Amino acid sequence: MTIVIAAGGTGGHLYPAVALAREFQRRDPSVKIVFVGTTKGIESKVLAHEGLPLELITAKPVMGKGLGDALRGLLSVPAGLWQSWRLLGRHQATLVIGVGGYTSPTILAAAALRGVARVIVEPNAYPGMANIAVGPLAQRVFLAFESAAAKFSPKKVRVVGTPIRRAFLDQVVNPEEAAPSSHGTRLLIFGGSQGAKAINSAVIEGLKTLTQRLPRVAITHQTGESDHARVVEAYRQARVQAQVVPFLYDMPAVLREADLVVARSGAMTIAELTACGKPAILIPLPTAIYNHQMMNARAMEAAGGAVVLPQPEATGARLAGTIAEILEQPGRLQAMRRHSWGMRRVDAAEVIVRECTALMGGNYDIDRTVGAAGH
């Protein structure tokens, strides 16, 4: 059995796919997994670290770009479709999974032409254009949020949550049962797989205020590759000790130890935060297509697990003050932990793999098993 997964560009697309790959391998160690991506995203680096194979195809973004880039994206489709067709034949693919991003459409189209089983996974509250475009070609559509269901055929939809890696579930304790921390207060700051310069700048600006109010807070700050040197120098000049890294490969271990998280609000981030019951200050990416990060963030805030700080309001003083206000109130912090934990949904990968296995085995009755409300 060979499963081809089209995912890449950002961690929000890639890490749910890695979670699915690991769950397929857990159920059947003989399964062959092949990822499909491009040279532009983080997939080459991350998949090499994970020990998972990657095939490259020609694919360029269409949405969120200028007219020239959009035209180049459309012109890349024939080459990508031909490469996808050959790739699926060479690997004798049994199943194709598209997790959004601009590699998904040609792989799903080639799978439909070859008669290969095919599904899509949409982790965001508002689905991306790539998944909307290939929705009619998919046999099953797995969603993280009910709000995305309107864009797909209701007979294909299943709302299951976002697939997360099992490592996020290891040693995780319900906040109601957790013993008091003995390691002091730990703050985790990260801006997604590529970092977030705006978050980095706000933290730097507010460092003095933050460390005056919380002199013993331990900070881990993931900056992204391009901004790492600047942030390291800012901490040095402020004489603040912190772990400042360009990328976090072992996010499960780091997140488990955090008391409060400052982050963007991609679907993967929300899923990982809630799986671990972590309270957060969320600063949505304002340029995200369809404003889906704000929708994700508001959902967690409404549940009580997060505070949303729109980027235009995220000055250094405002961010430092919000962090301090939460960490200085143990009761509020504990309540946010409970509410975050209450949003957790950790069986998405298992459900998707189980239903994909049934689809490949021919035990698939779409009218009986599928429905947006049947979860």
Foldseek 3Di string as FASTA:
>chain_A
DEEEEEFWAFCLGPQLVVLLVVVLCVVPVVYAYEYEDAPRTCCVVLCVVVVHHYDYFFAFDQPPDDPVSNVVRVVRLVRLLVVLLVVCVVVVHQEYEYADDGSRQSNLVSCLVVVHAYEYEALFLAGDPSCLVCQVSHQAYEYQHLNHCVSHDQLRYAHAHGRHHCLLQPPFDQLVPDDDDPPDAEEEEAEGAQADVLSLQLQLQQVVVLCVLVVPYEYEYAHGDVCQVVSVVSCVVVVHDYHYHPGDSPVSVVLLPHLEYEYAQRSRVLQSCLSRLHAYEYAHDCSPPVSRRVVRQVVLVVLLQYHYQYSVRSHNNVVSVVVSVCVVDVVSSSSNSNSSPVPHRHCRSVVVSVQVVCVSVVVDDSNPPGGHPPD
